[in-house]
C-alpha atoms as a PDB file:
ATOM      1  CA  MET A   1      34.655   5.646   6.575  1.00  0.00           C
ATOM      2  CA  PRO A   2      36.025   8.584   5.085  1.00  0.00           C
ATOM      3  CA  ALA A   3      33.925  12.513   5.021  1.00  0.00           C
ATOM      4  CA  GLY A   4      31.678  12.293   2.224  1.00  0.00           C
ATOM      5  CA  SER A   5      31.616   8.628   1.531  1.00  0.00           C
ATOM      6  CA  PHE A   6      28.175   6.580   1.116  1.00  0.00           C
ATOM      7  CA  ASP A   7      27.626   3.557   3.372  1.00  0.00           C
ATOM      8  CA  PHE A   8      24.926   2.008   1.048  1.00  0.00           C
ATOM      9  CA  THR A   9      24.080  -0.594   3.961  1.00  0.00           C
ATOM     10  CA  ALA A  10      23.361   1.267   6.796  1.00  0.00           C
ATOM     11  CA  ASN A  11      20.902   3.501   4.074  1.00  0.00           C
ATOM     12  CA  TYR A  12      19.020   0.150   3.098  1.00  0.00           C
ATOM     13  CA  ALA A  13      18.857  -0.748   7.150  1.00  0.00           C
ATOM     14  CA  ALA A  14      17.616   2.647   7.812  1.00  0.00           C
ATOM     15  CA  MET A  15      14.782   1.570   4.685  1.00  0.00           C
ATOM     16  CA  VAL A  16      14.069  -1.652   5.474  1.00  0.00           C
ATOM     17  CA  THR A  17      13.836  -0.240   9.380  1.00  0.00           C
ATOM     18  CA  LEU A  18      11.307   2.923   8.135  1.00  0.00           C
ATOM     19  CA  ALA A  19       9.255   0.354   6.404  1.00  0.00           C
ATOM     20  CA  VAL A  20       8.615  -1.890   9.138  1.00  0.00           C
ATOM     21  CA  ALA A  21       8.043   0.634  11.857  1.00  0.00           C
ATOM     22  CA  VAL A  22       5.257   1.906   9.332  1.00  0.00           C
ATOM     23  CA  VAL A  23       3.476  -0.841   8.924  1.00  0.00           C
ATOM     24  CA  ALA A  24       3.927  -1.739  12.376  1.00  0.00           C
ATOM     25  CA  LEU A  25       2.688   1.812  13.406  1.00  0.00           C
ATOM     26  CA  ALA A  26      -0.917   0.968  10.571  1.00  0.00           C
ATOM     27  CA  ALA A  27      -1.807  -1.590  12.283  1.00  0.00           C
ATOM     28  CA  GLY A  28      -1.531   0.016  15.779  1.00  0.00           C
ATOM     29  CA  ILE A  29      -3.216   2.847  14.878  1.00  0.00           C
ATOM     30  CA  ARG A  30      -5.983   0.712  13.286  1.00  0.00           C
ATOM     31  CA  LYS A  31      -6.959  -0.844  16.606  1.00  0.00           C
ATOM     32  CA  SER A  32      -6.441   2.507  18.346  1.00  0.00           C
ATOM     33  CA  PRO A  33      -9.266   5.026  18.705  1.00  0.00           C
ATOM     34  CA  PHE A  34      -7.599   7.128  16.134  1.00  0.00           C
ATOM     35  CA  GLY A  35      -7.803   4.561  13.804  1.00  0.00           C
ATOM     36  CA  HIS A  36     -11.948   3.934  14.899  1.00  0.00           C
ATOM     37  CA  ALA A  37     -12.662   7.567  14.282  1.00  0.00           C
ATOM     38  CA  LEU A  38     -10.519   7.584  10.831  1.00  0.00           C
ATOM     39  CA  ALA A  39     -13.059   4.188  10.147  1.00  0.00           C
ATOM     40  CA  ALA A  40     -15.870   6.002  11.225  1.00  0.00           C
ATOM     41  CA  ILE A  41     -15.293   9.259   8.797  1.00  0.00           C
ATOM     42  CA  ARG A  42     -13.904   6.854   5.942  1.00  0.00           C
ATOM     43  CA  GLN A  43     -17.693   5.251   6.182  1.00  0.00           C
ATOM     44  CA  ASP A  44     -19.791   8.120   6.642  1.00  0.00           C
ATOM     45  CA  ILE A  45     -18.597  11.505   7.516  1.00  0.00           C
ATOM     46  CA  ASP A  46     -21.893  13.137   8.443  1.00  0.00           C
ATOM     47  CA  ALA A  47     -23.023   9.821  10.903  1.00  0.00           C
ATOM     48  CA  ALA A  48     -19.091  10.332  12.166  1.00  0.00           C
ATOM     49  CA  GLU A  49     -19.726  14.092  13.559  1.00  0.00           C
ATOM     50  CA  ALA A  50     -22.749  12.865  15.048  1.00  0.00           C
ATOM     51  CA  LEU A  51     -21.481  10.994  16.900  1.00  0.00           C
ATOM     52  CA  GLY A  52     -19.109  13.456  17.930  1.00  0.00           C
ATOM     53  CA  ILE A  53     -16.151  12.888  16.070  1.00  0.00           C
ATOM     54  CA  ASP A  54     -14.369  16.372  14.762  1.00  0.00           C
ATOM     55  CA  SER A  55     -13.335  15.123  11.071  1.00  0.00           C
ATOM     56  CA  THR A  56     -11.196  18.368  10.576  1.00  0.00           C
ATOM     57  CA  LYS A  57      -8.426  17.245  13.438  1.00  0.00           C
ATOM     58  CA  TYR A  58      -8.609  13.921  12.779  1.00  0.00           C
ATOM     59  CA  LYS A  59      -8.532  14.714   8.826  1.00  0.00           C
ATOM     60  CA  LEU A  60      -5.148  17.310   9.809  1.00  0.00           C
ATOM     61  CA  LEU A  61      -3.737  15.213  11.990  1.00  0.00           C
ATOM     62  CA  VAL A  62      -3.396  11.983   9.555  1.00  0.00           C
ATOM     63  CA  HIS A  63      -2.334  14.775   7.341  1.00  0.00           C
ATOM     64  CA  ALA A  64       0.224  15.859   9.373  1.00  0.00           C
ATOM     65  CA  LEU A  65       1.299  11.968  10.283  1.00  0.00           C
ATOM     66  CA  SER A  66       1.580  11.224   6.679  1.00  0.00           C
ATOM     67  CA  ALA A  67       3.601  13.843   5.650  1.00  0.00           C
ATOM     68  CA  ALA A  68       5.908  13.243   8.135  1.00  0.00           C
ATOM     69  CA  LEU A  69       6.626   9.722   6.944  1.00  0.00           C
ATOM     70  CA  VAL A  70       7.226  10.945   3.864  1.00  0.00           C
ATOM     71  CA  ALA A  71       9.275  13.379   4.467  1.00  0.00           C
ATOM     72  CA  VAL A  72      11.468  10.794   6.319  1.00  0.00           C
ATOM     73  CA  ALA A  73      11.335   8.160   3.496  1.00  0.00           C
ATOM     74  CA  GLY A  74      12.051  10.974   0.813  1.00  0.00           C
ATOM     75  CA  GLY A  75      14.830  11.867   3.117  1.00  0.00           C
ATOM     76  CA  LEU A  76      16.331   8.459   2.750  1.00  0.00           C
ATOM     77  CA  PHE A  77      15.889   8.469  -1.062  1.00  0.00           C
ATOM     78  CA  ALA A  78      17.592  11.632  -1.593  1.00  0.00           C
ATOM     79  CA  ILE A  79      20.316  10.145   0.927  1.00  0.00           C
ATOM     80  CA  ASN A  80      20.509   6.594  -1.599  1.00  0.00           C
ATOM     81  CA  PHE A  81      20.634   8.659  -4.949  1.00  0.00           C
ATOM     82  CA  GLN A  82      22.379  11.376  -3.538  1.00  0.00           C
ATOM     83  CA  TYR A  83      21.021  13.442  -5.887  1.00  0.00           C
ATOM     84  CA  ILE A  84      17.108  14.400  -7.361  1.00  0.00           C
ATOM     85  CA  SER A  85      15.297  16.450  -9.735  1.00  0.00           C
ATOM     86  CA  PRO A  86      11.589  17.184 -10.273  1.00  0.00           C
ATOM     87  CA  GLY A  87      11.999  14.345 -13.121  1.00  0.00           C
ATOM     88  CA  SER A  88      13.082  11.405 -10.922  1.00  0.00           C
ATOM     89  CA  VAL A  89      11.009  11.784  -7.972  1.00  0.00           C
ATOM     90  CA  PHE A  90       7.706  13.172 -10.085  1.00  0.00           C
ATOM     91  CA  ASP A  91       8.123  10.901 -12.538  1.00  0.00           C
ATOM     92  CA  PHE A  92       4.787   9.305 -14.335  1.00  0.00           C
ATOM     93  CA  ARG A  93       5.690   5.752 -13.882  1.00  0.00           C
ATOM     94  CA  LEU A  94       6.784   6.449  -9.982  1.00  0.00           C
ATOM     95  CA  SER A  95       3.527   8.417  -9.419  1.00  0.00           C
ATOM     96  CA  LEU A  96       1.380   5.965 -11.222  1.00  0.00           C
ATOM     97  CA  THR A  97       2.890   3.091  -9.530  1.00  0.00           C
ATOM     98  CA  ILE A  98       2.661   4.411  -6.041  1.00  0.00           C
ATOM     99  CA  VAL A  99      -1.472   5.068  -6.131  1.00  0.00           C
ATOM    100  CA  LEU A 100      -1.562   1.881  -8.087  1.00  0.00           C
ATOM    101  CA  MET A 101      -0.182  -0.320  -5.361  1.00  0.00           C
ATOM    102  CA  PRO A 102      -2.625   0.124  -2.317  1.00  0.00           C
ATOM    103  CA  ILE A 103      -5.381   0.051  -5.224  1.00  0.00           C
ATOM    104  CA  VAL A 104      -4.265  -3.815  -6.512  1.00  0.00           C
ATOM    105  CA  GLY A 105      -2.703  -5.181  -3.105  1.00  0.00           C
ATOM    106  CA  GLY A 106      -6.258  -4.080  -0.934  1.00  0.00           C
ATOM    107  CA  LEU A 107      -7.517  -0.813  -0.021  1.00  0.00           C
ATOM    108  CA  GLY A 108      -8.321  -0.355   3.694  1.00  0.00           C
ATOM    109  CA  THR A 109      -5.831  -2.956   4.947  1.00  0.00           C
ATOM    110  CA  VAL A 110      -2.178  -3.001   6.027  1.00  0.00           C
ATOM    111  CA  ALA A 111      -0.908  -5.671   4.715  1.00  0.00           C
ATOM    112  CA  GLY A 112      -2.589  -4.118   1.129  1.00  0.00           C
ATOM    113  CA  PRO A 113      -0.040  -2.101   0.262  1.00  0.00           C
ATOM    114  CA  VAL A 114       2.940  -4.070   1.482  1.00  0.00           C
ATOM    115  CA  LEU A 115       1.902  -6.479  -0.817  1.00  0.00           C
ATOM    116  CA  GLY A 116       1.224  -4.251  -4.084  1.00  0.00           C
ATOM    117  CA  ALA A 117       4.646  -2.944  -3.074  1.00  0.00           C
ATOM    118  CA  LEU A 118       6.042  -6.603  -3.427  1.00  0.00           C
ATOM    119  CA  LEU A 119       4.024  -7.324  -6.709  1.00  0.00           C
ATOM    120  CA  PHE A 120       4.885  -4.058  -8.538  1.00  0.00           C
ATOM    121  CA  GLY A 121       8.466  -4.407  -7.395  1.00  0.00           C
ATOM    122  CA  TYR A 122       8.927  -7.267  -8.455  1.00  0.00           C
ATOM    123  CA  LEU A 123       7.187  -6.189 -12.384  1.00  0.00           C
ATOM    124  CA  GLN A 124       9.101  -3.150 -13.113  1.00  0.00           C
ATOM    125  CA  ILE A 125      12.415  -5.393 -12.371  1.00  0.00           C
ATOM    126  CA  LYS A 126      10.435  -7.859 -14.492  1.00  0.00           C
ATOM    127  CA  LEU A 127       9.575  -5.204 -17.348  1.00  0.00           C
ATOM    128  CA  LEU A 128      12.763  -2.938 -17.103  1.00  0.00           C
ATOM    129  CA  SER A 129      14.661  -5.896 -17.926  1.00  0.00           C
ATOM    130  CA  SER A 130      13.029  -6.740 -20.538  1.00  0.00           C
ATOM    131  CA  SER A 131      13.494  -4.666 -23.709  1.00  0.00           C
ATOM    132  CA  GLY A 132      10.365  -5.688 -25.778  1.00  0.00           C
ATOM    133  CA  LEU A 133       8.418  -5.051 -22.201  1.00  0.00           C
ATOM    134  CA  ARG A 134      10.062  -1.983 -21.382  1.00  0.00           C
ATOM    135  CA  ASP A 135       7.477   0.679 -22.709  1.00  0.00           C
ATOM    136  CA  SER A 136       4.406  -1.439 -22.154  1.00  0.00           C
ATOM    137  CA  TYR A 137       3.962  -0.642 -18.296  1.00  0.00           C
ATOM    138  CA  LEU A 138       1.120   1.969 -19.229  1.00  0.00           C
ATOM    139  CA  PHE A 139      -0.884  -1.349 -20.615  1.00  0.00           C
ATOM    140  CA  ILE A 140       0.048  -3.794 -17.876  1.00  0.00           C
ATOM    141  CA  TYR A 141      -0.670  -1.809 -15.355  1.00  0.00           C
ATOM    142  CA  GLY A 142      -4.137  -0.290 -16.754  1.00  0.00           C
ATOM    143  CA  ALA A 143      -5.302  -4.459 -17.028  1.00  0.00           C
ATOM    144  CA  MET A 144      -4.070  -5.306 -13.733  1.00  0.00           C
ATOM    145  CA  LEU A 145      -6.062  -2.145 -12.655  1.00  0.00           C
ATOM    146  CA  ILE A 146      -9.244  -2.849 -14.806  1.00  0.00           C
ATOM    147  CA  ALA A 147      -9.105  -6.683 -13.337  1.00  0.00           C
ATOM    148  CA  VAL A 148      -9.184  -6.007  -9.967  1.00  0.00           C
ATOM    149  CA  MET A 149     -11.823  -3.472  -9.994  1.00  0.00           C
ATOM    150  CA  LEU A 150     -13.818  -5.930 -12.225  1.00  0.00           C
ATOM    151  CA  PHE A 151     -12.986  -9.499 -10.058  1.00  0.00           C
ATOM    152  CA  GLU A 152     -11.281  -8.588  -7.260  1.00  0.00           C
ATOM    153  CA  PRO A 153     -12.310  -5.012  -5.608  1.00  0.00           C
ATOM    154  CA  LYS A 154     -10.312  -5.632  -2.513  1.00  0.00           C
ATOM    155  CA  GLY A 155      -7.072  -6.415  -4.346  1.00  0.00           C
ATOM    156  CA  LEU A 156      -5.131  -9.079  -3.948  1.00  0.00           C
ATOM    157  CA  VAL A 157      -5.820  -9.259   0.156  1.00  0.00           C
ATOM    158  CA  GLY A 158      -9.682  -9.977  -0.729  1.00  0.00           C
ATOM    159  CA  LEU A 159      -8.291 -12.368  -3.404  1.00  0.00           C
ATOM    160  CA  LEU A 160      -6.024 -14.464  -0.857  1.00  0.00           C
ATOM    161  CA  ARG A 161      -9.240 -14.036   1.900  1.00  0.00           C
ATOM    162  CA  ARG A 162     -11.263 -15.581  -1.172  1.00  0.00           C
ATOM    163  CA  LEU A 163      -8.556 -18.636  -1.336  1.00  0.00           C
ATOM    164  CA  ARG A 164      -8.260 -19.289   2.013  1.00  0.00           C
ATOM    165  CA  GLN A 165     -11.837 -19.259   2.761  1.00  0.00           C
ATOM    166  CA  ALA A 166     -12.279 -21.991   0.131  1.00  0.00           C
ATOM    167  CA  LEU A 167      -9.313 -24.575   1.116  1.00  0.00           C
ATOM    168  CA  PHE A 168     -10.251 -24.652   4.315  1.00  0.00           C
ATOM    169  CA  ARG A 169     -13.859 -24.384   4.301  1.00  0.00           C
ATOM    170  CA  ALA A 170     -15.397 -27.260   5.803  1.00  0.00           C
ATOM    171  CA  PRO A 171     -17.289 -29.619   3.849  1.00  0.00           C
ATOM    172  CA  SER A 172     -21.078 -28.525   3.894  1.00  0.00           C
ATOM    173  CA  LYS A 173     -23.355 -31.959   5.751  1.00  0.00           C
ATOM    174  CA  ARG A 174     -26.095 -32.738   3.008  1.00  0.00           C
ATOM    175  CA  LEU A 175     -29.054 -33.998   4.854  1.00  0.00           C
ATOM    176  CA  PRO A 176     -30.558 -37.562   3.514  1.00  0.00           C
ATOM    177  CA  ASP A 177     -33.163 -37.258   0.661  1.00  0.00           C
ATOM    178  CA  ALA A 178     -36.268 -37.900   2.098  1.00  0.00           C
ATOM    179  CA  GLY A 179     -37.700 -40.375   0.353  1.00  0.00           C
END
């Protein structure tokens, strides 16, 4: 390959590898003492500190880890497009989508942001390919957010859990009528 040329396949493989590694890391952290400390801080910071958890230390560590992962993803993003500008990186649609993905997918879960990303990726392709819907993304995203907040606060993951429980729930045994 000539110097300065771009290998899309290698960059795509690096992106997929990073995505899989981040999901695996999130699942591992969730089950670790570090993850338990973060969950305790999220639930009640005062109670967590009363139990001896140094919330400042854990918050700094998780922010540093998050920043490192975002830096690697941003590097791959820049390599993929070979040019970045503030308008492309800080676009309102992109910022809104990044915030909504985990909310619609299911906050506090490993699978939620993945499901949210899949849904929003699909929606974005459909919205941009239809000229009539291209500028209606705010309405559609807003309606999705309102629906999730009103009907399923745990997002798609919560909805899938409820559906699974409803489908695989054993039929209740009724007592015979006392006569």
